[in-house]
């Protein structure tokens, strides 16, 4: 196998930021790396604690353009920190590294991927973190920044 191009199914879902696993980042415990990453879009520490309680999809929505209305009627909407574009790649790297350093079983699974290329293939038009394979994006080359971060972390863990 020369590449893993989807982070789904039972075999490779653990590579996804939506995979459920405890991750402690900057003193806050999250249920997945998606929440840890999304929470960093705000500088409001109390809001980060609220985001830590959400599911992966809820945290993504809460930190997206429209925010998230919770079942209890409350609304979470994150105002994007002013330096987000400058810091987002480093934050993703730190969160992903924390995931694999703090979860030995996931670390072993990541290392077991060997040297294959990791590509965050998707169909939701994310050509920054991944590579969208839908017909609309067929001619675009995705940046696959998440895949590159995973491969960087894998290499660092191999060398530890």
C-alpha atoms as a PDB file:
ATOM      1  CA  UNK A   1       0.000   0.000   0.000  1.00  0.00           C
ATOM      2  CA  UNK A   2       1.444   3.353  -1.006  1.00  0.00           C
ATOM      3  CA  UNK A   3      -1.137   5.641   0.578  1.00  0.00           C
ATOM      4  CA  UNK A   4      -4.066   5.924   2.953  1.00  0.00           C
ATOM      5  CA  UNK A   5      -6.449   8.399   1.364  1.00  0.00           C
ATOM      6  CA  UNK A   6      -9.480   8.342   3.677  1.00  0.00           C
ATOM      7  CA  UNK A   7      -9.603   8.541   7.437  1.00  0.00           C
ATOM      8  CA  UNK A   8     -12.788   6.509   7.836  1.00  0.00           C
ATOM      9  CA  UNK A   9     -13.923   2.977   8.542  1.00  0.00           C
ATOM     10  CA  UNK A  10     -12.709   0.931  11.456  1.00  0.00           C
ATOM     11  CA  UNK A  11      -9.122   0.706  10.249  1.00  0.00           C
ATOM     12  CA  UNK A  12      -8.239   4.381   9.682  1.00  0.00           C
ATOM     13  CA  UNK A  13     -10.904   6.399  11.518  1.00  0.00           C
ATOM     14  CA  UNK A  14      -8.362   6.949  14.327  1.00  0.00           C
ATOM     15  CA  UNK A  15      -6.479   9.344  11.996  1.00  0.00           C
ATOM     16  CA  UNK A  16      -9.504  11.648  11.827  1.00  0.00           C
ATOM     17  CA  UNK A  17      -9.852  14.596  14.177  1.00  0.00           C
ATOM     18  CA  UNK A  18     -13.419  13.360  14.784  1.00  0.00           C
ATOM     19  CA  UNK A  19     -12.141  10.135  16.366  1.00  0.00           C
ATOM     20  CA  UNK A  20     -13.170  10.017  20.028  1.00  0.00           C
ATOM     21  CA  UNK A  21     -10.177  10.049  22.362  1.00  0.00           C
ATOM     22  CA  UNK A  22      -9.163  12.123  25.342  1.00  0.00           C
ATOM     23  CA  UNK A  23      -6.793  14.972  24.476  1.00  0.00           C
ATOM     24  CA  UNK A  24      -5.530  17.493  26.978  1.00  0.00           C
ATOM     25  CA  UNK A  25      -4.418  20.707  25.316  1.00  0.00           C
ATOM     26  CA  UNK A  26      -3.348  23.825  27.213  1.00  0.00           C
ATOM     27  CA  UNK A  27      -4.829  22.405  30.407  1.00  0.00           C
ATOM     28  CA  UNK A  28      -8.287  21.630  29.010  1.00  0.00           C
ATOM     29  CA  UNK A  29      -9.529  18.084  28.431  1.00  0.00           C
ATOM     30  CA  UNK A  30     -11.292  17.509  25.125  1.00  0.00           C
ATOM     31  CA  UNK A  31     -13.060  14.392  23.824  1.00  0.00           C
ATOM     32  CA  UNK A  32     -11.393  14.630  20.391  1.00  0.00           C
ATOM     33  CA  UNK A  33      -8.797  16.671  18.550  1.00  0.00           C
ATOM     34  CA  UNK A  34     -11.504  18.450  16.560  1.00  0.00           C
ATOM     35  CA  UNK A  35     -12.790  20.120  19.718  1.00  0.00           C
ATOM     36  CA  UNK A  36      -9.282  20.974  20.905  1.00  0.00           C
ATOM     37  CA  UNK A  37      -8.464  22.543  17.550  1.00  0.00           C
ATOM     38  CA  UNK A  38     -11.776  24.397  17.113  1.00  0.00           C
ATOM     39  CA  UNK A  39     -11.623  25.821  20.644  1.00  0.00           C
ATOM     40  CA  UNK A  40      -8.365  27.576  19.822  1.00  0.00           C
ATOM     41  CA  UNK A  41     -10.227  29.805  17.369  1.00  0.00           C
ATOM     42  CA  UNK A  42     -11.258  31.891  20.371  1.00  0.00           C
ATOM     43  CA  UNK A  43      -9.198  33.629  23.017  1.00  0.00           C
ATOM     44  CA  UNK A  44     -12.108  33.343  25.490  1.00  0.00           C
ATOM     45  CA  UNK A  45     -11.038  30.695  28.026  1.00  0.00           C
ATOM     46  CA  UNK A  46     -14.564  30.074  29.345  1.00  0.00           C
ATOM     47  CA  UNK A  47     -15.803  29.481  25.805  1.00  0.00           C
ATOM     48  CA  UNK A  48     -13.021  26.909  25.314  1.00  0.00           C
ATOM     49  CA  UNK A  49     -14.423  25.017  28.323  1.00  0.00           C
ATOM     50  CA  UNK A  50     -17.884  25.068  26.741  1.00  0.00           C
ATOM     51  CA  UNK A  51     -16.494  23.769  23.439  1.00  0.00           C
ATOM     52  CA  UNK A  52     -14.697  20.951  25.281  1.00  0.00           C
ATOM     53  CA  UNK A  53     -18.100  19.498  26.213  1.00  0.00           C
ATOM     54  CA  UNK A  54     -19.354  19.324  22.624  1.00  0.00           C
ATOM     55  CA  UNK A  55     -19.219  16.508  20.101  1.00  0.00           C
ATOM     56  CA  UNK A  56     -16.762  16.873  17.237  1.00  0.00           C
ATOM     57  CA  UNK A  57     -19.424  18.017  14.763  1.00  0.00           C
ATOM     58  CA  UNK A  58     -20.957  20.399  17.311  1.00  0.00           C
ATOM     59  CA  UNK A  59     -17.579  21.977  18.052  1.00  0.00           C
ATOM     60  CA  UNK A  60     -16.967  22.486  14.336  1.00  0.00           C
ATOM     61  CA  UNK A  61     -20.394  24.115  13.923  1.00  0.00           C
ATOM     62  CA  UNK A  62     -20.013  26.279  17.039  1.00  0.00           C
ATOM     63  CA  UNK A  63     -16.734  27.637  15.717  1.00  0.00           C
ATOM     64  CA  UNK A  64     -17.984  28.010  12.156  1.00  0.00           C
ATOM     65  CA  UNK A  65     -19.684  30.877  10.389  1.00  0.00           C
ATOM     66  CA  UNK A  66     -23.154  30.389  11.847  1.00  0.00           C
ATOM     67  CA  UNK A  67     -22.509  29.086  15.343  1.00  0.00           C
ATOM     68  CA  UNK A  68     -24.501  26.387  17.101  1.00  0.00           C
ATOM     69  CA  UNK A  69     -27.819  26.437  18.917  1.00  0.00           C
ATOM     70  CA  UNK A  70     -27.778  23.840  21.698  1.00  0.00           C
ATOM     71  CA  UNK A  71     -30.747  21.696  22.780  1.00  0.00           C
ATOM     72  CA  UNK A  72     -31.206  23.844  25.890  1.00  0.00           C
ATOM     73  CA  UNK A  73     -31.695  26.905  23.677  1.00  0.00           C
ATOM     74  CA  UNK A  74     -28.315  28.492  24.352  1.00  0.00           C
ATOM     75  CA  UNK A  75     -26.224  29.599  21.422  1.00  0.00           C
ATOM     76  CA  UNK A  76     -22.480  29.282  20.944  1.00  0.00           C
ATOM     77  CA  UNK A  77     -20.799  31.482  18.364  1.00  0.00           C
ATOM     78  CA  UNK A  78     -17.063  32.011  18.295  1.00  0.00           C
ATOM     79  CA  UNK A  79     -15.511  35.248  17.176  1.00  0.00           C
ATOM     80  CA  UNK A  80     -12.389  34.222  15.314  1.00  0.00           C
ATOM     81  CA  UNK A  81      -9.190  35.380  16.975  1.00  0.00           C
ATOM     82  CA  UNK A  82      -7.392  38.004  14.872  1.00  0.00           C
ATOM     83  CA  UNK A  83      -4.219  35.945  14.328  1.00  0.00           C
ATOM     84  CA  UNK A  84      -5.990  32.696  13.375  1.00  0.00           C
ATOM     85  CA  UNK A  85      -4.588  32.415   9.850  1.00  0.00           C
ATOM     86  CA  UNK A  86      -1.059  32.811  11.212  1.00  0.00           C
ATOM     87  CA  UNK A  87      -1.387  30.253  14.036  1.00  0.00           C
ATOM     88  CA  UNK A  88      -3.805  27.580  12.800  1.00  0.00           C
ATOM     89  CA  UNK A  89      -1.206  25.231  11.278  1.00  0.00           C
ATOM     90  CA  UNK A  90       0.957  25.266  14.416  1.00  0.00           C
ATOM     91  CA  UNK A  91      -2.090  24.682  16.614  1.00  0.00           C
ATOM     92  CA  UNK A  92      -3.204  21.733  14.467  1.00  0.00           C
ATOM     93  CA  UNK A  93       0.288  20.257  14.740  1.00  0.00           C
ATOM     94  CA  UNK A  94       0.330  20.662  18.549  1.00  0.00           C
ATOM     95  CA  UNK A  95      -3.151  19.172  18.967  1.00  0.00           C
ATOM     96  CA  UNK A  96      -2.429  16.196  16.693  1.00  0.00           C
ATOM     97  CA  UNK A  97       0.901  15.563  18.408  1.00  0.00           C
ATOM     98  CA  UNK A  98      -0.823  15.666  21.816  1.00  0.00           C
ATOM     99  CA  UNK A  99      -3.380  13.111  20.586  1.00  0.00           C
ATOM    100  CA  UNK A 100      -0.741  10.548  19.716  1.00  0.00           C
ATOM    101  CA  UNK A 101       1.584  11.271  22.634  1.00  0.00           C
ATOM    102  CA  UNK A 102      -1.257  10.972  25.157  1.00  0.00           C
ATOM    103  CA  UNK A 103      -2.881   7.860  23.673  1.00  0.00           C
ATOM    104  CA  UNK A 104      -0.297   5.038  23.382  1.00  0.00           C
ATOM    105  CA  UNK A 105      -2.701   2.759  21.496  1.00  0.00           C
ATOM    106  CA  UNK A 106      -3.235   5.422  18.826  1.00  0.00           C
ATOM    107  CA  UNK A 107       0.492   6.114  18.700  1.00  0.00           C
ATOM    108  CA  UNK A 108       1.143   2.443  17.904  1.00  0.00           C
ATOM    109  CA  UNK A 109      -1.534   2.471  15.218  1.00  0.00           C
ATOM    110  CA  UNK A 110      -0.043   5.597  13.644  1.00  0.00           C
ATOM    111  CA  UNK A 111       3.443   4.084  13.698  1.00  0.00           C
ATOM    112  CA  UNK A 112       2.018   0.905  12.147  1.00  0.00           C
ATOM    113  CA  UNK A 113       1.124   2.913   9.024  1.00  0.00           C
ATOM    114  CA  UNK A 114       4.853   2.820   8.255  1.00  0.00           C
ATOM    115  CA  UNK A 115       5.921   5.246   5.579  1.00  0.00           C
ATOM    116  CA  UNK A 116       2.731   5.353   3.521  1.00  0.00           C
ATOM    117  CA  UNK A 117       1.423   8.730   2.459  1.00  0.00           C
ATOM    118  CA  UNK A 118      -1.495   9.929   4.586  1.00  0.00           C
ATOM    119  CA  UNK A 119      -4.114  11.943   2.697  1.00  0.00           C
ATOM    120  CA  UNK A 120      -7.181  13.394   4.362  1.00  0.00           C
ATOM    121  CA  UNK A 121      -9.514  12.591   1.480  1.00  0.00           C
ATOM    122  CA  UNK A 122     -12.990  14.068   1.831  1.00  0.00           C
ATOM    123  CA  UNK A 123     -16.102  15.087  -0.064  1.00  0.00           C
ATOM    124  CA  UNK A 124     -16.932  18.281   1.864  1.00  0.00           C
ATOM    125  CA  UNK A 125     -14.706  20.612  -0.174  1.00  0.00           C
ATOM    126  CA  UNK A 126     -11.877  20.883   2.343  1.00  0.00           C
ATOM    127  CA  UNK A 127      -8.870  21.439   0.151  1.00  0.00           C
ATOM    128  CA  UNK A 128      -6.823  23.086   2.866  1.00  0.00           C
ATOM    129  CA  UNK A 129      -6.619  20.379   5.535  1.00  0.00           C
ATOM    130  CA  UNK A 130      -7.347  17.619   3.054  1.00  0.00           C
ATOM    131  CA  UNK A 131      -7.999  16.790  -0.571  1.00  0.00           C
ATOM    132  CA  UNK A 132     -11.636  16.830  -1.682  1.00  0.00           C
ATOM    133  CA  UNK A 133     -12.532  14.138  -4.191  1.00  0.00           C
ATOM    134  CA  UNK A 134     -15.983  15.398  -5.226  1.00  0.00           C
ATOM    135  CA  UNK A 135     -16.725  16.225  -8.870  1.00  0.00           C
ATOM    136  CA  UNK A 136     -16.722  19.973  -8.108  1.00  0.00           C
ATOM    137  CA  UNK A 137     -13.163  19.774  -6.729  1.00  0.00           C
ATOM    138  CA  UNK A 138     -11.823  17.158  -9.146  1.00  0.00           C
ATOM    139  CA  UNK A 139      -9.440  19.605 -10.844  1.00  0.00           C
ATOM    140  CA  UNK A 140      -8.168  21.097  -7.579  1.00  0.00           C
ATOM    141  CA  UNK A 141      -5.134  19.806  -5.766  1.00  0.00           C
ATOM    142  CA  UNK A 142      -5.742  19.757  -2.035  1.00  0.00           C
ATOM    143  CA  UNK A 143      -3.121  21.053   0.372  1.00  0.00           C
ATOM    144  CA  UNK A 144      -3.540  18.007   2.640  1.00  0.00           C
ATOM    145  CA  UNK A 145      -2.124  19.923   5.606  1.00  0.00           C
ATOM    146  CA  UNK A 146      -3.643  17.458   8.104  1.00  0.00           C
ATOM    147  CA  UNK A 147      -2.098  14.509   6.281  1.00  0.00           C
ATOM    148  CA  UNK A 148       1.270  16.266   6.245  1.00  0.00           C
ATOM    149  CA  UNK A 149       1.012  17.001   9.970  1.00  0.00           C
ATOM    150  CA  UNK A 150       0.154  13.359  10.689  1.00  0.00           C
ATOM    151  CA  UNK A 151       3.190  12.215   8.702  1.00  0.00           C
ATOM    152  CA  UNK A 152       5.401  14.740  10.526  1.00  0.00           C
ATOM    153  CA  UNK A 153       4.134  13.552  13.920  1.00  0.00           C
ATOM    154  CA  UNK A 154       4.602   9.922  12.858  1.00  0.00           C
ATOM    155  CA  UNK A 155       8.216  10.624  11.893  1.00  0.00           C
ATOM    156  CA  UNK A 156       8.883  12.446  15.174  1.00  0.00           C
ATOM    157  CA  UNK A 157       7.363   9.608  17.202  1.00  0.00           C
ATOM    158  CA  UNK A 158       9.485   7.080  15.289  1.00  0.00           C
ATOM    159  CA  UNK A 159      12.596   9.008  16.255  1.00  0.00           C
ATOM    160  CA  UNK A 160      11.715   9.325  19.958  1.00  0.00           C
END
